[in-house]
Protein backbone atom coordinates (compact mmCIF):
# COMPACT_ATOMS: atom_id res chain seq x y z
CA MET A 1 141.29 91.00 92.70
CA LEU A 2 144.10 89.23 93.96
CA ASP A 3 145.49 88.53 97.49
CA ALA A 4 149.40 88.17 98.25
CA GLN A 5 149.46 84.90 97.67
CA GLY A 6 147.81 85.17 94.12
CA THR A 7 144.67 83.97 94.55
CA GLN A 8 141.49 85.42 92.96
CA ILE A 9 139.21 87.48 95.16
CA PRO A 10 135.53 87.79 94.46
CA THR A 11 135.32 90.78 92.68
CA THR A 12 132.29 92.66 91.43
CA VAL A 13 133.07 95.00 88.44
CA VAL A 14 130.42 98.22 87.76
CA ARG A 15 130.90 100.22 84.80
CA GLY A 16 129.95 103.92 85.23
CA GLY A 17 130.82 106.52 87.88
CA SER A 18 130.52 107.21 91.97
CA TYR A 19 130.87 109.30 94.22
CA PRO A 20 134.68 109.81 93.65
CA PHE A 21 134.14 110.47 89.77
CA THR A 22 131.75 111.77 87.63
CA ASP A 23 129.87 109.14 85.21
CA LEU A 24 131.80 110.03 81.78
CA PRO A 25 130.35 108.71 78.40
CA SER A 26 131.86 106.01 76.71
CA SER A 27 134.02 107.05 73.38
CA ILE A 28 136.87 105.57 71.08
CA VAL A 29 139.94 106.78 72.44
CA ILE A 30 143.15 106.54 69.33
CA LEU A 31 146.74 106.54 71.20
CA ALA A 32 149.80 106.78 69.59
CA PRO A 33 151.87 103.61 69.56
CA GLY A 34 153.00 102.98 73.73
CA GLY A 35 150.80 105.97 74.62
CA PRO A 36 149.13 106.19 77.80
CA ALA A 37 145.59 105.62 78.75
CA TYR A 38 143.92 106.15 81.66
CA PHE A 39 140.43 105.24 83.87
CA ASN A 40 139.41 105.64 87.37
CA ILE A 41 138.27 103.21 89.73
CA GLY A 42 136.37 103.63 92.95
CA PHE A 43 135.47 101.22 96.12
CA SER A 44 134.30 101.84 99.52
CA ASP A 45 136.63 100.68 102.45
CA VAL A 46 134.06 101.05 105.09
CA PRO A 47 132.55 97.62 106.02
CA SER A 48 128.26 97.99 106.36
CA GLY A 49 125.81 95.81 107.51
CA SER A 50 126.71 92.09 108.58
CA GLN A 51 130.36 92.48 106.99
CA THR A 52 133.06 92.96 109.28
CA THR A 53 135.87 92.76 107.12
CA CYS A 54 136.87 93.36 103.57
CA PRO A 55 139.05 91.56 101.49
CA ARG A 56 142.51 93.16 100.96
CA ALA A 57 143.73 93.11 97.17
CA SER A 58 147.66 93.18 96.74
CA ALA A 59 147.21 92.84 92.82
CA LEU A 60 144.59 93.90 90.30
CA ILE A 61 144.15 92.26 87.35
CA VAL A 62 143.05 94.67 83.97
CA THR A 63 141.85 93.47 80.81
CA PRO A 64 141.38 96.96 78.29
CA PRO A 65 138.29 97.26 76.36
CA ASN A 66 138.29 94.68 73.30
CA ALA A 67 141.44 92.80 74.32
CA TYR A 68 142.15 89.34 75.78
CA ASP A 69 145.64 90.14 77.05
CA HIS A 70 145.63 91.87 80.88
CA LEU A 71 148.09 93.73 82.86
CA THR A 72 148.55 92.36 86.24
CA LEU A 73 149.18 95.84 88.28
CA ALA A 74 150.51 95.68 92.22
CA VAL A 75 148.25 97.35 94.76
CA ASP A 76 147.34 97.66 98.05
CA PHE A 77 143.49 98.41 98.64
CA ALA A 78 140.71 96.90 100.66
CA ALA A 79 137.27 96.82 98.76
CA CYS A 80 134.47 96.15 100.54
CA ASP A 81 130.70 95.24 99.66
CA ASN A 82 131.63 91.87 98.16
CA GLY A 83 134.79 93.25 96.19
CA THR A 84 132.89 96.23 94.49
CA LEU A 85 134.65 98.23 92.30
CA THR A 86 133.54 101.05 89.90
CA VAL A 87 135.23 101.58 86.95
CA SER A 88 135.33 104.79 84.36
CA PRO A 89 135.62 104.21 80.64
CA VAL A 90 138.96 104.74 79.18
CA PHE A 91 139.94 108.13 78.52
CA ALA A 92 143.05 109.74 76.92
CA PRO A 93 145.45 112.42 78.47
CA GLY A 94 144.33 115.51 77.97
CA SER A 95 140.70 114.70 77.80
CA ALA A 96 137.98 116.73 79.68
CA ALA A 97 137.83 113.31 81.93
CA THR A 98 140.95 114.00 83.76
CA GLN A 99 139.38 116.68 85.61
CA THR A 100 136.31 114.26 87.03
CA THR A 101 138.38 112.96 89.81
CA ALA A 102 137.43 114.27 93.26
């Protein structure tokens, strides 16, 4: 995660499922050139314990599986619990995984 100035925000990535989406098994996804792929991302925006605020992200750096290049996506969210993001495996359009989001 990056803040509005482009500074990295401490981020913890947890692979698997969470409350908003099912824990999907990993599988190989074959895409047509330029074809889309999807993934789910979940986070809590509710401070807990001694945490009174959550860092607000303005951008998210995404590195696809087995890749070295990354994409920087514009976002606007605040992830609590020390910037914890839960991320699903990548899946293709039309996959049964598209029906797993809450």
